[in-house]
Structures are given as C-alpha cells and as structure tokens.
C-alpha cells in the first residue's frame, strides 16, 4: 500500500523515518524511470539501495535486524526492488566465472 509507513517494533522509530524517506525517493525514482534496471543518478539513493541488500542478507541470516523489518522487505519486493545489483543483471555469475578462468590461462 503506497504511502503507508513501514514501522515495526523491531526497527527503531528514527530508523523507520529515515527508511520511509528513502523508500519514497526510490518510489519517485521508479515513477520517473520505468526501467529500473539502471542505477539512479543520486549517490545517496544508490548507497541506500546497496544498504537494503546488505541488511536483507543479515535479516535472512539472523531473522532479525535493527535496520530492516520483514514488512519493509515486503514493501520493497512489491515495488520491484532490485535485490540483485545492476552489474549482476548485465552479466551473469556464470559469465563472470568464465571470464575469470579464461584470464588465468
């Protein structure tokens, strides 16, 4: 649901406000750029996106996080959040491995 604040007890109020602000920036970026396979021009937004991926990996590992809730993960997923980095979208892991091995020869 757009505009709904993603605040849960496991995530601090201060963190939630900052997260919601960045999430709204991400939503605005997506509305202005229908193709979300390209990185946003804002370094701040890029950093936030990378941070969400990192926090998600921690959440998966420990099932709890001070910086990201499952509700926020759901909101990001519904917004077609790029969980995989743009670089990984352009070239697959397999292609990267082949490239590394061919340089070793």
C-alpha atoms as a PDB file:
ATOM      1  CA  UNK A   1       0.000   0.000   0.000  1.00  0.00           C
ATOM      2  CA  UNK A   2       1.648   3.204  -1.139  1.00  0.00           C
ATOM      3  CA  UNK A   3       2.138   5.914   1.440  1.00  0.00           C
ATOM      4  CA  UNK A   4       1.752   3.576   4.407  1.00  0.00           C
ATOM      5  CA  UNK A   5       4.525   3.973   6.952  1.00  0.00           C
ATOM      6  CA  UNK A   6       6.564   0.794   7.385  1.00  0.00           C
ATOM      7  CA  UNK A   7       7.189   0.936  11.137  1.00  0.00           C
ATOM      8  CA  UNK A   8       7.553  -2.183  13.252  1.00  0.00           C
ATOM      9  CA  UNK A   9       8.760  -2.614  16.848  1.00  0.00           C
ATOM     10  CA  UNK A  10      11.947  -4.425  15.695  1.00  0.00           C
ATOM     11  CA  UNK A  11      13.051  -1.304  13.803  1.00  0.00           C
ATOM     12  CA  UNK A  12      13.636   1.929  15.725  1.00  0.00           C
ATOM     13  CA  UNK A  13      11.393   4.947  15.119  1.00  0.00           C
ATOM     14  CA  UNK A  14      14.365   7.043  13.917  1.00  0.00           C
ATOM     15  CA  UNK A  15      15.490   4.300  11.509  1.00  0.00           C
ATOM     16  CA  UNK A  16      11.921   3.888  10.235  1.00  0.00           C
ATOM     17  CA  UNK A  17      11.518   7.602   9.468  1.00  0.00           C
ATOM     18  CA  UNK A  18      14.808   7.673   7.559  1.00  0.00           C
ATOM     19  CA  UNK A  19      13.927   4.423   5.775  1.00  0.00           C
ATOM     20  CA  UNK A  20      10.494   5.724   4.753  1.00  0.00           C
ATOM     21  CA  UNK A  21      12.042   8.922   3.380  1.00  0.00           C
ATOM     22  CA  UNK A  22      14.493   6.935   1.255  1.00  0.00           C
ATOM     23  CA  UNK A  23      11.770   4.494   0.211  1.00  0.00           C
ATOM     24  CA  UNK A  24       9.661   7.413  -1.041  1.00  0.00           C
ATOM     25  CA  UNK A  25      12.709   8.674  -3.002  1.00  0.00           C
ATOM     26  CA  UNK A  26      13.070   5.194  -4.502  1.00  0.00           C
ATOM     27  CA  UNK A  27       9.373   5.137  -5.436  1.00  0.00           C
ATOM     28  CA  UNK A  28       9.715   8.585  -7.054  1.00  0.00           C
ATOM     29  CA  UNK A  29      12.799   7.438  -8.969  1.00  0.00           C
ATOM     30  CA  UNK A  30      10.882   4.382 -10.209  1.00  0.00           C
ATOM     31  CA  UNK A  31       7.938   6.508 -11.349  1.00  0.00           C
ATOM     32  CA  UNK A  32      10.276   8.788 -13.283  1.00  0.00           C
ATOM     33  CA  UNK A  33      12.307   5.879 -14.718  1.00  0.00           C
ATOM     34  CA  UNK A  34      10.094   2.992 -15.734  1.00  0.00           C
ATOM     35  CA  UNK A  35      13.178   0.875 -16.478  1.00  0.00           C
ATOM     36  CA  UNK A  36      14.553   0.278 -13.001  1.00  0.00           C
ATOM     37  CA  UNK A  37      17.444  -1.781 -14.386  1.00  0.00           C
ATOM     38  CA  UNK A  38      19.535   1.378 -14.497  1.00  0.00           C
ATOM     39  CA  UNK A  39      21.152   2.783 -11.365  1.00  0.00           C
ATOM     40  CA  UNK A  40      19.667   6.023 -10.047  1.00  0.00           C
ATOM     41  CA  UNK A  41      21.738   9.173 -10.590  1.00  0.00           C
ATOM     42  CA  UNK A  42      21.710  10.020  -6.868  1.00  0.00           C
ATOM     43  CA  UNK A  43      24.690   8.628  -4.958  1.00  0.00           C
ATOM     44  CA  UNK A  44      22.604   8.785  -1.768  1.00  0.00           C
ATOM     45  CA  UNK A  45      19.869   6.616  -3.269  1.00  0.00           C
ATOM     46  CA  UNK A  46      22.431   4.164  -4.690  1.00  0.00           C
ATOM     47  CA  UNK A  47      24.018   3.856  -1.247  1.00  0.00           C
ATOM     48  CA  UNK A  48      20.597   3.252   0.328  1.00  0.00           C
ATOM     49  CA  UNK A  49      19.811   0.511  -2.219  1.00  0.00           C
ATOM     50  CA  UNK A  50      23.130  -1.232  -1.530  1.00  0.00           C
ATOM     51  CA  UNK A  51      22.435  -0.895   2.196  1.00  0.00           C
ATOM     52  CA  UNK A  52      18.995  -2.534   1.817  1.00  0.00           C
ATOM     53  CA  UNK A  53      20.584  -5.511   0.065  1.00  0.00           C
ATOM     54  CA  UNK A  54      23.171  -5.850   2.844  1.00  0.00           C
ATOM     55  CA  UNK A  55      20.532  -5.534   5.587  1.00  0.00           C
ATOM     56  CA  UNK A  56      18.359  -8.106   3.800  1.00  0.00           C
ATOM     57  CA  UNK A  57      21.200 -10.639   3.795  1.00  0.00           C
ATOM     58  CA  UNK A  58      21.654 -10.039   7.546  1.00  0.00           C
ATOM     59  CA  UNK A  59      17.911 -10.403   8.101  1.00  0.00           C
ATOM     60  CA  UNK A  60      17.888 -13.720   6.248  1.00  0.00           C
ATOM     61  CA  UNK A  61      20.829 -14.985   8.275  1.00  0.00           C
ATOM     62  CA  UNK A  62      19.637 -13.890  11.739  1.00  0.00           C
ATOM     63  CA  UNK A  63      15.864 -13.434  11.152  1.00  0.00           C
ATOM     64  CA  UNK A  64      16.042 -10.072  12.948  1.00  0.00           C
ATOM     65  CA  UNK A  65      17.578  -6.717  12.102  1.00  0.00           C
ATOM     66  CA  UNK A  66      17.787  -3.259  13.673  1.00  0.00           C
ATOM     67  CA  UNK A  67      17.723  -1.703  10.208  1.00  0.00           C
ATOM     68  CA  UNK A  68      15.212  -3.681   8.164  1.00  0.00           C
ATOM     69  CA  UNK A  69      11.935  -5.420   9.000  1.00  0.00           C
ATOM     70  CA  UNK A  70      10.109  -8.138   7.105  1.00  0.00           C
ATOM     71  CA  UNK A  71       7.344  -5.606   6.467  1.00  0.00           C
ATOM     72  CA  UNK A  72       9.898  -3.340   4.759  1.00  0.00           C
ATOM     73  CA  UNK A  73      11.229  -6.288   2.727  1.00  0.00           C
ATOM     74  CA  UNK A  74       7.672  -6.936   1.569  1.00  0.00           C
ATOM     75  CA  UNK A  75       7.189  -3.261   0.635  1.00  0.00           C
ATOM     76  CA  UNK A  76      10.462  -3.283  -1.321  1.00  0.00           C
ATOM     77  CA  UNK A  77       9.589  -6.519  -3.102  1.00  0.00           C
ATOM     78  CA  UNK A  78       6.150  -5.209  -4.080  1.00  0.00           C
ATOM     79  CA  UNK A  79       7.909  -2.143  -5.508  1.00  0.00           C
ATOM     80  CA  UNK A  80      10.082  -4.406  -7.689  1.00  0.00           C
ATOM     81  CA  UNK A  81      13.178  -3.501  -5.688  1.00  0.00           C
ATOM     82  CA  UNK A  82      16.410  -4.549  -7.476  1.00  0.00           C
ATOM     83  CA  UNK A  83      17.576  -7.165  -4.965  1.00  0.00           C
ATOM     84  CA  UNK A  84      20.294  -8.165  -7.434  1.00  0.00           C
ATOM     85  CA  UNK A  85      22.766  -5.442  -8.344  1.00  0.00           C
ATOM     86  CA  UNK A  86      22.628  -3.861 -11.777  1.00  0.00           C
ATOM     87  CA  UNK A  87      26.061  -5.241 -12.613  1.00  0.00           C
ATOM     88  CA  UNK A  88      24.788  -8.769 -11.975  1.00  0.00           C
ATOM     89  CA  UNK A  89      21.827  -8.102 -14.268  1.00  0.00           C
ATOM     90  CA  UNK A  90      24.141  -7.218 -17.139  1.00  0.00           C
ATOM     91  CA  UNK A  91      26.436 -10.213 -16.881  1.00  0.00           C
ATOM     92  CA  UNK A  92      25.565 -13.467 -15.201  1.00  0.00           C
ATOM     93  CA  UNK A  93      27.651 -15.071 -12.480  1.00  0.00           C
ATOM     94  CA  UNK A  94      28.480 -17.923 -14.868  1.00  0.00           C
ATOM     95  CA  UNK A  95      29.765 -15.483 -17.494  1.00  0.00           C
ATOM     96  CA  UNK A  96      31.881 -13.735 -14.844  1.00  0.00           C
ATOM     97  CA  UNK A  97      33.378 -17.073 -13.766  1.00  0.00           C
ATOM     98  CA  UNK A  98      34.224 -17.963 -17.371  1.00  0.00           C
ATOM     99  CA  UNK A  99      35.871 -14.575 -17.795  1.00  0.00           C
ATOM    100  CA  UNK A 100      37.976 -15.029 -14.649  1.00  0.00           C
ATOM    101  CA  UNK A 101      39.050 -18.549 -15.644  1.00  0.00           C
ATOM    102  CA  UNK A 102      39.954 -17.509 -19.190  1.00  0.00           C
ATOM    103  CA  UNK A 103      42.259 -14.796 -17.784  1.00  0.00           C
ATOM    104  CA  UNK A 104      44.016 -17.392 -15.616  1.00  0.00           C
ATOM    105  CA  UNK A 105      45.121 -19.397 -18.671  1.00  0.00           C
END
